[in-house]
C-alpha atoms as a PDB file:
ATOM      1  CA  GLN A   1      30.735  56.591  24.985  1.00  0.00           C
ATOM      2  CA  VAL A   2      29.321  53.392  26.433  1.00  0.00           C
ATOM      3  CA  GLN A   3      26.547  51.096  25.226  1.00  0.00           C
ATOM      4  CA  LEU A   4      24.416  49.227  27.742  1.00  0.00           C
ATOM      5  CA  VAL A   5      22.348  46.058  27.363  1.00  0.00           C
ATOM      6  CA  GLU A   6      20.128  44.767  30.161  1.00  0.00           C
ATOM      7  CA  SER A   7      19.047  41.178  30.653  1.00  0.00           C
ATOM      8  CA  GLY A   8      17.421  38.977  33.270  1.00  0.00           C
ATOM      9  CA  GLY A   9      13.913  40.362  33.397  1.00  0.00           C
ATOM     10  CA  GLY A  10      10.853  38.163  33.479  1.00  0.00           C
ATOM     11  CA  LEU A  11       7.774  37.080  35.363  1.00  0.00           C
ATOM     12  CA  VAL A  12       8.058  36.147  39.031  1.00  0.00           C
ATOM     13  CA  GLN A  13       5.642  35.608  41.876  1.00  0.00           C
ATOM     14  CA  ALA A  14       5.477  37.994  44.789  1.00  0.00           C
ATOM     15  CA  GLY A  15       8.154  37.156  47.321  1.00  0.00           C
ATOM     16  CA  GLY A  16      10.449  35.796  44.651  1.00  0.00           C
ATOM     17  CA  SER A  17      13.795  36.990  43.365  1.00  0.00           C
ATOM     18  CA  LEU A  18      15.366  38.071  40.112  1.00  0.00           C
ATOM     19  CA  ARG A  19      18.811  39.244  39.159  1.00  0.00           C
ATOM     20  CA  LEU A  20      19.193  41.742  36.380  1.00  0.00           C
ATOM     21  CA  ALA A  21      22.455  42.249  34.560  1.00  0.00           C
ATOM     22  CA  CYS A  22      23.654  45.160  32.472  1.00  0.00           C
ATOM     23  CA  ALA A  23      26.556  44.548  30.128  1.00  0.00           C
ATOM     24  CA  ALA A  24      28.553  47.536  28.968  1.00  0.00           C
ATOM     25  CA  SER A  25      30.680  47.930  25.881  1.00  0.00           C
ATOM     26  CA  GLY A  26      34.054  49.608  25.843  1.00  0.00           C
ATOM     27  CA  ARG A  27      37.213  49.440  27.890  1.00  0.00           C
ATOM     28  CA  THR A  28      36.441  52.265  30.304  1.00  0.00           C
ATOM     29  CA  PHE A  29      33.519  50.758  32.218  1.00  0.00           C
ATOM     30  CA  SER A  30      35.231  51.353  35.542  1.00  0.00           C
ATOM     31  CA  SER A  31      35.242  55.097  34.877  1.00  0.00           C
ATOM     32  CA  TYR A  32      31.446  55.305  34.994  1.00  0.00           C
ATOM     33  CA  GLY A  33      29.124  55.540  37.923  1.00  0.00           C
ATOM     34  CA  MET A  34      26.209  53.195  37.276  1.00  0.00           C
ATOM     35  CA  GLY A  35      22.570  53.319  38.195  1.00  0.00           C
ATOM     36  CA  TRP A  36      19.343  51.408  37.894  1.00  0.00           C
ATOM     37  CA  PHE A  37      16.015  53.065  37.177  1.00  0.00           C
ATOM     38  CA  ARG A  38      12.517  51.776  36.575  1.00  0.00           C
ATOM     39  CA  GLN A  39       9.346  52.968  34.943  1.00  0.00           C
ATOM     40  CA  ALA A  40       5.893  51.519  35.434  1.00  0.00           C
ATOM     41  CA  PRO A  41       3.060  52.254  32.966  1.00  0.00           C
ATOM     42  CA  GLY A  42       1.654  55.729  33.432  1.00  0.00           C
ATOM     43  CA  THR A  43       4.370  56.805  35.837  1.00  0.00           C
ATOM     44  CA  GLU A  44       7.611  58.719  35.604  1.00  0.00           C
ATOM     45  CA  ARG A  45      10.929  56.949  35.578  1.00  0.00           C
ATOM     46  CA  GLU A  46      12.281  56.610  39.084  1.00  0.00           C
ATOM     47  CA  PHE A  47      15.707  56.016  40.543  1.00  0.00           C
ATOM     48  CA  VAL A  48      16.203  52.582  42.074  1.00  0.00           C
ATOM     49  CA  GLY A  49      19.837  52.744  43.119  1.00  0.00           C
ATOM     50  CA  GLY A  50      23.368  53.625  42.114  1.00  0.00           C
ATOM     51  CA  ILE A  51      26.880  52.329  42.594  1.00  0.00           C
ATOM     52  CA  SER A  52      30.234  54.060  42.526  1.00  0.00           C
ATOM     53  CA  ARG A  53      32.943  53.413  39.966  1.00  0.00           C
ATOM     54  CA  SER A  54      34.836  51.044  42.218  1.00  0.00           C
ATOM     55  CA  GLY A  55      31.715  49.411  43.596  1.00  0.00           C
ATOM     56  CA  ASN A  56      32.454  50.236  47.217  1.00  0.00           C
ATOM     57  CA  LEU A  57      29.561  52.651  47.599  1.00  0.00           C
ATOM     58  CA  ALA A  58      25.907  52.141  46.745  1.00  0.00           C
ATOM     59  CA  ASN A  59      22.709  53.978  47.528  1.00  0.00           C
ATOM     60  CA  TYR A  60      19.076  53.008  47.122  1.00  0.00           C
ATOM     61  CA  ALA A  61      15.591  54.400  46.925  1.00  0.00           C
ATOM     62  CA  ASP A  62      13.667  53.931  50.150  1.00  0.00           C
ATOM     63  CA  SER A  63      11.146  51.732  48.337  1.00  0.00           C
ATOM     64  CA  VAL A  64      13.766  49.055  47.628  1.00  0.00           C
ATOM     65  CA  LYS A  65      16.214  49.488  50.494  1.00  0.00           C
ATOM     66  CA  GLY A  66      16.871  46.182  52.227  1.00  0.00           C
ATOM     67  CA  ARG A  67      15.428  44.175  49.326  1.00  0.00           C
ATOM     68  CA  PHE A  68      17.567  45.158  46.331  1.00  0.00           C
ATOM     69  CA  THR A  69      21.348  45.065  46.027  1.00  0.00           C
ATOM     70  CA  ILE A  70      23.492  46.616  43.315  1.00  0.00           C
ATOM     71  CA  SER A  71      26.919  45.242  42.525  1.00  0.00           C
ATOM     72  CA  ARG A  72      29.387  45.463  39.680  1.00  0.00           C
ATOM     73  CA  ASP A  73      32.178  43.432  38.185  1.00  0.00           C
ATOM     74  CA  ASN A  74      34.525  45.787  36.377  1.00  0.00           C
ATOM     75  CA  ALA A  75      36.492  42.887  34.912  1.00  0.00           C
ATOM     76  CA  LYS A  76      33.312  41.738  33.177  1.00  0.00           C
ATOM     77  CA  ASN A  77      31.999  45.224  32.369  1.00  0.00           C
ATOM     78  CA  THR A  78      28.749  44.313  34.088  1.00  0.00           C
ATOM     79  CA  VAL A  79      26.536  45.781  36.769  1.00  0.00           C
ATOM     80  CA  TYR A  80      23.896  43.735  38.558  1.00  0.00           C
ATOM     81  CA  LEU A  81      20.658  44.349  40.372  1.00  0.00           C
ATOM     82  CA  GLN A  82      19.695  41.578  42.772  1.00  0.00           C
ATOM     83  CA  MET A  83      16.026  41.895  43.643  1.00  0.00           C
ATOM     84  CA  ASN A  84      14.622  39.917  46.554  1.00  0.00           C
ATOM     85  CA  SER A  85      11.232  39.852  48.265  1.00  0.00           C
ATOM     86  CA  LEU A  86       9.653  41.227  45.119  1.00  0.00           C
ATOM     87  CA  LYS A  87       6.283  42.922  45.317  1.00  0.00           C
ATOM     88  CA  PRO A  88       3.669  43.558  42.621  1.00  0.00           C
ATOM     89  CA  GLU A  89       4.503  47.264  42.852  1.00  0.00           C
ATOM     90  CA  ASP A  90       8.021  46.459  41.650  1.00  0.00           C
ATOM     91  CA  THR A  91       6.548  45.667  38.244  1.00  0.00           C
ATOM     92  CA  ALA A  92       8.191  47.984  35.710  1.00  0.00           C
ATOM     93  CA  VAL A  93      10.666  48.245  32.902  1.00  0.00           C
ATOM     94  CA  TYR A  94      14.098  48.405  34.476  1.00  0.00           C
ATOM     95  CA  TYR A  95      16.892  50.419  32.908  1.00  0.00           C
ATOM     96  CA  CYS A  96      20.552  50.655  33.664  1.00  0.00           C
ATOM     97  CA  ALA A  97      22.367  53.897  33.090  1.00  0.00           C
ATOM     98  CA  ALA A  98      25.887  55.287  33.216  1.00  0.00           C
ATOM     99  CA  ARG A  99      27.227  58.678  34.212  1.00  0.00           C
ATOM    100  CA  ASN A 100      30.610  60.170  33.583  1.00  0.00           C
ATOM    101  CA  TYR A 101      32.999  60.727  36.457  1.00  0.00           C
ATOM    102  CA  GLY A 102      32.206  63.902  38.357  1.00  0.00           C
ATOM    103  CA  GLU A 103      28.751  64.301  36.885  1.00  0.00           C
ATOM    104  CA  SER A 104      25.401  63.637  38.516  1.00  0.00           C
ATOM    105  CA  LYS A 105      23.416  63.262  35.316  1.00  0.00           C
ATOM    106  CA  TYR A 106      23.117  59.874  33.667  1.00  0.00           C
ATOM    107  CA  ASP A 107      23.910  60.254  29.984  1.00  0.00           C
ATOM    108  CA  TYR A 108      23.874  56.673  28.722  1.00  0.00           C
ATOM    109  CA  TRP A 109      20.924  54.297  28.888  1.00  0.00           C
ATOM    110  CA  GLY A 110      20.090  50.737  28.054  1.00  0.00           C
ATOM    111  CA  GLN A 111      16.950  49.650  26.257  1.00  0.00           C
ATOM    112  CA  GLY A 112      15.323  48.265  29.390  1.00  0.00           C
ATOM    113  CA  THR A 113      14.095  44.881  30.555  1.00  0.00           C
ATOM    114  CA  GLN A 114      10.590  44.074  31.763  1.00  0.00           C
ATOM    115  CA  VAL A 115      10.044  42.793  35.289  1.00  0.00           C
ATOM    116  CA  THR A 116       6.561  41.607  36.171  1.00  0.00           C
ATOM    117  CA  VAL A 117       5.666  40.503  39.700  1.00  0.00           C
ATOM    118  CA  SER A 118       2.401  38.621  40.071  1.00  0.00           C
ATOM    119  CA  SER A 119       0.398  38.605  43.290  1.00  0.00           C
END
């Protein structure tokens, strides 16, 4: 099992940048695929992007492609979400999540961090 703690959220103006971090407990972080999700008030949680166990592959939702970048540092048990050119519609609670090797479902979730983008 893995425990996840997000950090780095806050208030930023449109066009600005933020970097979220997600620190994982345990010694097997590199065995998990990692993902970022977000949920705005009154909406369903949506997938933002994911990264492979080694970090060499990443995929993104169309809404953030070209603006957001996911990376990971397995030595530090941390996954990052670099968010550039932020828009008010990016405002949401952002969650990181982990999935076991070979599975598509994310089983482990952090508590979330609020990102607010002002216009």
